[in-house]
Protein backbone atom coordinates (compact mmCIF):
# COMPACT_ATOMS: atom_id res chain seq x y z
CA UNK A 1 0.00 0.00 0.00
CA UNK A 2 2.87 2.37 0.76
CA UNK A 3 4.26 1.79 -2.72
CA UNK A 4 0.99 2.78 -4.38
CA UNK A 5 0.82 5.86 -2.15
CA UNK A 6 4.09 7.06 -3.69
CA UNK A 7 6.47 6.53 -0.75
CA UNK A 8 10.13 6.02 -1.65
CA UNK A 9 10.91 3.70 1.28
CA UNK A 10 9.07 1.46 3.73
CA UNK A 11 7.99 2.98 7.04
CA UNK A 12 7.25 1.10 10.24
CA UNK A 13 5.05 3.80 11.82
CA UNK A 14 1.42 4.01 10.68
CA UNK A 15 0.74 6.49 7.93
CA UNK A 16 -2.48 7.79 9.52
CA UNK A 17 -4.50 7.34 12.66
CA UNK A 18 -7.22 4.65 12.47
CA UNK A 19 -9.83 7.24 13.48
CA UNK A 20 -9.29 8.94 10.11
CA UNK A 21 -11.22 6.08 8.50
CA UNK A 22 -14.19 6.97 10.70
CA UNK A 23 -14.02 10.63 9.63
CA UNK A 24 -13.80 9.53 5.99
CA UNK A 25 -16.85 7.27 6.38
CA UNK A 26 -18.86 10.13 7.86
CA UNK A 27 -18.54 12.02 4.58
CA UNK A 28 -20.98 9.60 2.97
CA UNK A 29 -24.66 10.39 3.67
CA UNK A 30 -26.93 7.61 4.89
CA UNK A 31 -28.76 7.51 1.54
CA UNK A 32 -25.52 6.94 -0.40
CA UNK A 33 -24.46 4.12 1.92
CA UNK A 34 -27.88 2.49 1.46
CA UNK A 35 -27.54 2.77 -2.34
CA UNK A 36 -24.12 1.14 -2.28
CA UNK A 37 -25.49 -1.67 -0.09
CA UNK A 38 -28.42 -2.17 -2.45
CA UNK A 39 -26.10 -2.29 -5.46
CA UNK A 40 -23.96 -4.97 -3.77
CA UNK A 41 -27.03 -7.07 -2.87
CA UNK A 42 -29.15 -6.70 -6.03
CA UNK A 43 -26.51 -6.08 -8.69
CA UNK A 44 -28.18 -2.92 -10.06
CA UNK A 45 -27.77 0.70 -9.11
CA UNK A 46 -30.95 2.21 -7.64
CA UNK A 47 -32.27 5.01 -9.80
CA UNK A 48 -34.35 6.64 -7.09
CA UNK A 49 -34.77 5.95 -3.40
CA UNK A 50 -36.57 7.40 -0.42
CA UNK A 51 -35.03 9.36 2.43
CA UNK A 52 -33.81 7.08 5.19
CA UNK A 53 -32.30 9.57 7.65
CA UNK A 54 -34.86 11.06 10.04
CA UNK A 55 -32.32 13.19 11.92
CA UNK A 56 -32.85 16.27 9.68
CA UNK A 57 -36.62 15.72 9.58
CA UNK A 58 -37.40 18.63 11.93
CA UNK A 59 -36.46 21.27 9.38
CA UNK A 60 -38.59 19.91 6.56
CA UNK A 61 -41.35 17.95 8.30
CA UNK A 62 -44.76 19.60 8.49
CA UNK A 63 -45.85 17.56 11.51
CA UNK A 64 -47.75 14.95 9.52
CA UNK A 65 -46.83 11.49 10.80
CA UNK A 66 -49.17 9.57 8.51
CA UNK A 67 -47.65 6.66 6.60
CA UNK A 68 -46.70 7.42 3.00
CA UNK A 69 -49.36 6.67 0.41
CA UNK A 70 -48.57 4.37 -2.50
CA UNK A 71 -48.41 5.61 -6.06
CA UNK A 72 -51.82 6.03 -7.71
CA UNK A 73 -50.61 4.42 -10.88
CA UNK A 74 -50.06 1.13 -9.06
CA UNK A 75 -46.89 0.41 -11.04
CA UNK A 76 -43.59 -0.54 -9.47
CA UNK A 77 -40.41 1.32 -10.38
CA UNK A 78 -38.12 -1.38 -11.66
CA UNK A 79 -34.42 -1.29 -12.29
CA UNK A 80 -32.67 -2.04 -15.55
CA UNK A 81 -33.40 -5.51 -16.85
CA UNK A 82 -30.69 -7.80 -18.12
CA UNK A 83 -31.15 -8.20 -21.91
CA UNK A 84 -30.07 -11.84 -21.67
CA UNK A 85 -32.89 -12.75 -19.29
CA UNK A 86 -35.21 -15.39 -20.72
CA UNK A 87 -38.92 -14.68 -21.25
CA UNK A 88 -39.88 -17.43 -18.81
CA UNK A 89 -37.76 -15.86 -16.07
CA UNK A 90 -39.16 -12.39 -16.80
CA UNK A 91 -42.70 -13.75 -16.55
CA UNK A 92 -41.88 -15.40 -13.24
CA UNK A 93 -40.36 -12.19 -11.89
CA UNK A 94 -43.57 -10.25 -12.52
CA UNK A 95 -45.49 -12.43 -10.08
CA UNK A 96 -45.76 -11.70 -6.39
CA UNK A 97 -43.00 -13.58 -4.66
CA UNK A 98 -40.38 -13.43 -1.92
CA UNK A 99 -40.39 -12.81 1.83
CA UNK A 100 -39.16 -9.83 3.84
CA UNK A 101 -38.73 -9.48 7.60
CA UNK A 102 -38.89 -6.03 9.23
CA UNK A 103 -37.53 -5.33 12.68
CA UNK A 104 -36.18 -2.39 14.67
CA UNK A 105 -33.06 -2.34 16.83
CA UNK A 106 -30.77 0.16 18.52
CA UNK A 107 -27.05 0.52 17.86
CA UNK A 108 -25.70 1.31 21.35
CA UNK A 109 -23.55 4.43 21.65
CA UNK A 110 -20.24 4.34 23.49
CA UNK A 111 -21.26 6.49 26.45
CA UNK A 112 -21.36 6.09 30.21
CA UNK A 113 -24.74 5.15 31.63
CA UNK A 114 -26.26 8.58 32.26
CA UNK A 115 -27.62 9.88 35.54
CA UNK A 116 -28.78 13.42 36.23
CA UNK A 117 -26.38 13.98 39.12
CA UNK A 118 -23.38 12.72 37.13
CA UNK A 119 -24.29 14.83 34.08
CA UNK A 120 -24.58 17.98 36.21
CA UNK A 121 -21.29 17.22 37.95
CA UNK A 122 -19.52 17.05 34.58
CA UNK A 123 -21.09 20.37 33.57
CA UNK A 124 -19.79 21.97 36.76
CA UNK A 125 -16.30 20.51 36.32
CA UNK A 126 -16.03 21.79 32.72
CA UNK A 127 -17.02 25.29 33.75
CA UNK A 128 -14.58 25.22 36.66
CA UNK A 129 -11.82 24.05 34.29
CA UNK A 130 -12.58 27.01 31.99
CA UNK A 131 -12.47 29.42 34.92
CA UNK A 132 -9.05 28.03 35.91
CA UNK A 133 -7.73 28.68 32.39
CA UNK A 134 -9.07 32.24 32.26
CA UNK A 135 -7.90 33.03 35.80
CA UNK A 136 -4.31 33.29 34.54
CA UNK A 137 -5.25 36.07 32.07
CA UNK A 138 -7.46 38.31 34.23
CA UNK A 139 -6.57 40.62 37.12
CA UNK A 140 -6.88 38.77 40.42
CA UNK A 141 -9.63 40.56 42.34
CA UNK A 142 -11.61 38.61 44.88
CA UNK A 143 -12.06 34.86 44.76
CA UNK A 144 -11.69 32.64 41.72
CA UNK A 145 -15.08 31.00 42.33
CA UNK A 146 -18.01 32.27 44.45
CA UNK A 147 -18.15 28.85 46.13
CA UNK A 148 -15.77 26.14 47.31
CA UNK A 149 -14.95 23.61 44.59
CA UNK A 150 -14.11 21.02 47.26
CA UNK A 151 -17.55 21.37 48.84
CA UNK A 152 -19.19 21.07 45.42
CA UNK A 153 -17.25 17.87 44.76
CA UNK A 154 -18.14 16.55 48.20
CA UNK A 155 -21.84 17.27 47.55
CA UNK A 156 -21.67 15.14 44.38
CA UNK A 157 -19.82 12.25 46.03
CA UNK A 158 -22.32 12.22 48.89
CA UNK A 159 -24.93 11.04 46.37
CA UNK A 160 -22.75 9.14 43.88
CA UNK A 161 -21.11 6.90 46.50
CA UNK A 162 -24.25 6.38 48.53
CA UNK A 163 -25.40 2.77 48.75
CA UNK A 164 -29.04 3.79 48.71
CA UNK A 165 -30.23 6.54 46.41
CA UNK A 166 -33.37 7.95 47.98
CA UNK A 167 -35.50 10.44 46.08
CA UNK A 168 -34.95 13.10 48.73
CA UNK A 169 -31.16 12.70 48.67
CA UNK A 170 -30.97 12.75 44.86
CA UNK A 171 -33.19 15.83 44.59
CA UNK A 172 -31.08 17.68 47.15
CA UNK A 173 -27.87 16.82 45.28
CA UNK A 174 -29.33 17.92 41.93
CA UNK A 175 -30.47 21.22 43.41
CA UNK A 176 -27.01 21.92 44.82
CA UNK A 177 -25.29 21.09 41.53
CA UNK A 178 -27.68 23.36 39.62
CA UNK A 179 -26.79 26.20 41.98
CA UNK A 180 -23.06 25.61 41.54
CA UNK A 181 -23.40 25.53 37.74
CA UNK A 182 -25.32 28.81 37.75
CA UNK A 183 -22.68 30.59 39.89
CA UNK A 184 -19.83 29.17 37.80
CA UNK A 185 -21.57 30.36 34.63
CA UNK A 186 -21.82 33.93 35.91
CA UNK A 187 -18.13 33.93 36.86
CA UNK A 188 -17.23 32.46 33.48
CA UNK A 189 -19.09 35.21 31.59
CA UNK A 190 -17.29 37.83 33.70
CA UNK A 191 -13.86 36.38 32.91
CA UNK A 192 -14.64 35.96 29.20
CA UNK A 193 -15.48 39.66 29.00
CA UNK A 194 -12.11 40.52 30.57
CA UNK A 195 -10.10 38.09 28.40
CA UNK A 196 -11.95 37.58 25.09
CA UNK A 197 -8.80 36.61 23.12
CA UNK A 198 -7.95 33.53 25.17
CA UNK A 199 -8.27 30.42 23.03
CA UNK A 200 -9.77 27.37 24.69
CA UNK A 201 -9.31 23.73 23.59
CA UNK A 202 -11.74 22.60 20.91
CA UNK A 203 -13.18 19.78 23.03
CA UNK A 204 -13.82 22.18 25.92
CA UNK A 205 -15.46 24.73 23.64
CA UNK A 206 -17.83 22.06 22.33
CA UNK A 207 -18.77 21.05 25.90
CA UNK A 208 -19.43 24.67 26.91
CA UNK A 209 -21.89 25.06 24.02
CA UNK A 210 -23.94 22.08 25.24
CA UNK A 211 -23.93 22.93 28.95
CA UNK A 212 -26.56 25.75 28.79
CA UNK A 213 -29.08 23.43 27.14
CA UNK A 214 -28.37 20.66 29.65
CA UNK A 215 -28.79 23.14 32.50
CA UNK A 216 -32.11 24.37 31.08
CA UNK A 217 -33.45 20.81 30.77
CA UNK A 218 -32.37 19.77 34.26
CA UNK A 219 -33.70 23.01 35.75
CA UNK A 220 -37.07 22.45 34.08
CA UNK A 221 -37.33 18.89 35.42
CA UNK A 222 -36.22 20.00 38.89
CA UNK A 223 -38.74 22.83 39.12
CA UNK A 224 -41.65 20.81 37.72
CA UNK A 225 -40.91 17.58 39.65
CA UNK A 226 -40.77 15.49 36.48
CA UNK A 227 -38.30 13.23 34.67
CA UNK A 228 -39.55 13.87 31.12
CA UNK A 229 -38.29 16.56 28.76
CA UNK A 230 -38.19 16.91 24.99
CA UNK A 231 -34.90 15.99 23.23
CA UNK A 232 -33.21 15.07 26.48
CA UNK A 233 -29.39 15.22 26.38
CA UNK A 234 -27.67 12.34 28.15
CA UNK A 235 -24.03 12.94 27.17
CA UNK A 236 -21.89 16.07 26.85
CA UNK A 237 -19.46 14.36 24.48
CA UNK A 238 -22.27 13.10 22.20
CA UNK A 239 -25.22 15.51 22.63
CA UNK A 240 -27.04 13.96 19.66
CA UNK A 241 -27.64 10.68 21.53
CA UNK A 242 -31.19 10.28 22.84
CA UNK A 243 -32.74 7.69 25.17
CA UNK A 244 -34.74 5.09 23.24
CA UNK A 245 -37.43 3.49 25.40
CA UNK A 246 -38.06 -0.02 24.04
CA UNK A 247 -39.54 -1.69 27.13
CA UNK A 248 -37.41 -4.83 26.88
CA UNK A 249 -35.85 -6.58 29.84
CA UNK A 250 -33.41 -6.24 31.50
CA UNK A 251 -32.69 -2.80 29.98
CA UNK A 252 -35.96 -1.10 28.96
CA UNK A 253 -34.13 2.08 27.86
CA UNK A 254 -31.26 2.04 25.39
CA UNK A 255 -28.99 4.86 24.28
CA UNK A 256 -27.96 5.02 20.64
CA UNK A 257 -29.24 5.26 17.10
CA UNK A 258 -32.48 3.48 16.25
CA UNK A 259 -32.40 1.42 13.06
CA UNK A 260 -35.31 -0.04 11.11
CA UNK A 261 -33.95 -2.96 9.10
CA UNK A 262 -35.37 -5.36 6.52
CA UNK A 263 -33.97 -8.80 5.72
CA UNK A 264 -34.55 -10.28 2.25
CA UNK A 265 -32.87 -13.53 1.25
CA UNK A 266 -30.19 -13.17 3.91
CA UNK A 267 -29.35 -9.58 2.90
CA UNK A 268 -30.01 -6.71 5.32
CA UNK A 269 -31.29 -3.35 4.08
CA UNK A 270 -31.61 -0.12 6.04
CA UNK A 271 -35.15 1.28 5.93
CA UNK A 272 -34.99 4.15 8.42
CA UNK A 273 -32.53 5.54 10.96
CA UNK A 274 -32.78 8.24 13.59
CA UNK A 275 -31.21 9.26 16.88
CA UNK A 276 -34.71 9.97 18.22
CA UNK A 277 -37.38 7.39 18.84
CA UNK A 278 -39.95 6.75 16.08
CA UNK A 279 -42.72 4.29 15.31
CA UNK A 280 -41.45 1.88 12.65
CA UNK A 281 -44.98 0.65 11.82
CA UNK A 282 -45.49 3.77 9.69
CA UNK A 283 -42.79 2.53 7.27
CA UNK A 284 -44.65 -0.63 6.20
CA UNK A 285 -46.13 0.79 3.00
CA UNK A 286 -42.90 2.57 2.07
CA UNK A 287 -40.97 -0.67 2.66
CA UNK A 288 -43.45 -2.54 0.43
CA UNK A 289 -42.88 -0.08 -2.41
CA UNK A 290 -39.11 -0.24 -1.89
CA UNK A 291 -39.22 -4.05 -2.08
CA UNK A 292 -41.17 -3.82 -5.33
CA UNK A 293 -38.66 -1.36 -6.75
CA UNK A 294 -35.63 -3.45 -5.76
CA UNK A 295 -36.81 -6.91 -6.76
CA UNK A 296 -39.56 -6.18 -9.30
CA UNK A 297 -42.28 -8.04 -7.39
CA UNK A 298 -44.58 -7.45 -4.46
CA UNK A 299 -45.24 -9.76 -1.54
CA UNK A 300 -48.21 -12.10 -1.45
CA UNK A 301 -49.54 -11.13 1.96
CA UNK A 302 -48.62 -9.17 5.07
CA UNK A 303 -49.46 -9.11 8.76
CA UNK A 304 -50.64 -5.70 9.78
CA UNK A 305 -51.00 -3.62 12.95
CA UNK A 306 -53.37 -0.77 13.76
CA UNK A 307 -51.09 1.88 12.25
CA UNK A 308 -50.92 -0.12 8.98
CA UNK A 309 -54.65 -0.86 8.83
CA UNK A 310 -55.16 0.55 5.28
CA UNK A 311 -54.08 -1.93 2.64
CA UNK A 312 -51.36 -0.81 0.20
CA UNK A 313 -53.28 -0.45 -3.04
CA UNK A 314 -51.84 -1.10 -6.46
CA UNK A 315 -49.23 -3.65 -5.36
CA UNK A 316 -51.41 -6.76 -5.38
CA UNK A 317 -50.84 -7.38 -1.67
CA UNK A 318 -53.43 -9.09 0.49
CA UNK A 319 -53.72 -9.58 4.22
CA UNK A 320 -52.09 -12.64 5.77
CA UNK A 321 -54.17 -12.31 8.95
CA UNK A 322 -57.19 -10.31 9.97
CA UNK A 323 -57.03 -7.58 12.58
CA UNK A 324 -58.16 -8.54 16.07
CA UNK A 325 -61.54 -7.14 17.16
CA UNK A 326 -61.60 -4.12 19.46
CA UNK A 327 -61.07 -5.76 22.81
CA UNK A 328 -58.46 -3.40 24.29
CA UNK A 329 -59.17 -0.94 27.07
CA UNK A 330 -60.53 2.55 26.37
CA UNK A 331 -62.56 1.24 23.42
CA UNK A 332 -59.70 0.87 20.97
CA UNK A 333 -60.90 0.69 17.40
CA UNK A 334 -60.83 2.56 14.09
CA UNK A 335 -62.42 5.65 15.66
CA UNK A 336 -60.43 5.42 18.92
CA UNK A 337 -57.01 3.83 18.25
CA UNK A 338 -56.21 3.68 21.97
CA UNK A 339 -52.58 3.16 22.87
CA UNK A 340 -50.29 4.16 19.95
CA UNK A 341 -47.86 1.49 18.83
CA UNK A 342 -49.84 -1.37 20.44
CA UNK A 343 -50.05 -4.26 18.02
CA UNK A 344 -53.57 -5.46 17.26
CA UNK A 345 -52.65 -7.68 14.34
CA UNK A 346 -51.26 -11.21 14.40
CA UNK A 347 -48.98 -11.42 17.46
CA UNK A 348 -45.31 -12.26 17.15
CA UNK A 349 -44.34 -15.90 17.78
CA UNK A 350 -47.80 -17.05 16.75
CA UNK A 351 -49.27 -18.85 13.76
CA UNK A 352 -51.99 -16.88 11.91
CA UNK A 353 -55.43 -18.40 11.72
CA UNK A 354 -55.50 -17.97 7.96
CA UNK A 355 -53.02 -19.61 5.65
CA UNK A 356 -49.50 -18.38 6.23
CA UNK A 357 -46.18 -19.24 7.81
CA UNK A 358 -45.16 -19.05 11.44
CA UNK A 359 -43.52 -15.82 12.54
CA UNK A 360 -40.43 -16.55 14.61
CA UNK A 361 -39.07 -13.05 15.25
CA UNK A 362 -39.46 -9.42 14.25
CA UNK A 363 -42.12 -6.81 14.61
CA UNK A 364 -43.63 -7.14 11.12
CA UNK A 365 -43.36 -10.08 8.76
CA UNK A 366 -44.10 -9.88 5.05
CA UNK A 367 -44.27 -12.89 2.78
């Protein structure tokens, strides 16, 4: 490899850091990676595909969470056909065939398990570290901090090293840390005004930009006696990571990027991805159209849930199992859906009453 790079002699030391490959991979958008994966699996380059990254959805989304509607023409967008394909094979490809499994998972992020008291302690430590850097460039008048850093650290350890975390003890510790962060922020603004030309490390500057939002979220939850807030930040190093509540034991909440995957013939395709939680049932019709576009045929039947109650028209797809009658609490039905995301179709790990195959795993099975 060094010869093809143009080096005149062999070198023992690595030519670049392994993390550079990660930065190079991040240059490719999610849609381009999905197209390359589809080309490797199907052997044809996709002409047109749907958006798979939901992370930039807030800027362009109009708030409508309805599932996408199929094309009115009822025709599937097919790729380029091999001219050497026999007529018998082409006729067989036009029929409904194949099986696709849809399931959602979470790719865990490399972060420490987050707690409110630990997150606030890190915010306080980063602001104190910034004050220590600026203290060398400002005239020394008064104290460096309006509080004792040792007492602030002791207040955190009193909760962190406690064998039993009571609600009263945790709330007291969070309130004290919020007060320390507020005082450190005022001192930091004062020093920045006196020394605006001091350059801080890039990693510390990135943390300082996230701290005000973390403080606002924790302050809101502390004042309103709640543990729920929109777009909750759980890591200063990776502020884009969100908690994904999946309800599975032993860890009902996971932290990472949620992926909606489809498996066809042993090949895995990425349907949707997002750092925030989303309901993957809304992608059933879009996945059906994508399957038709990739393989030139629709599935014979599908098992549906309440969110996918309308049949995809124009694809020749029929139901593999009927929807359960409204027997959930609160009168769940077409007029009153009841609990969102609750499956009312054929349950997983069960054999449908009508003709079909047994579902072994996955949220939605299509055959």
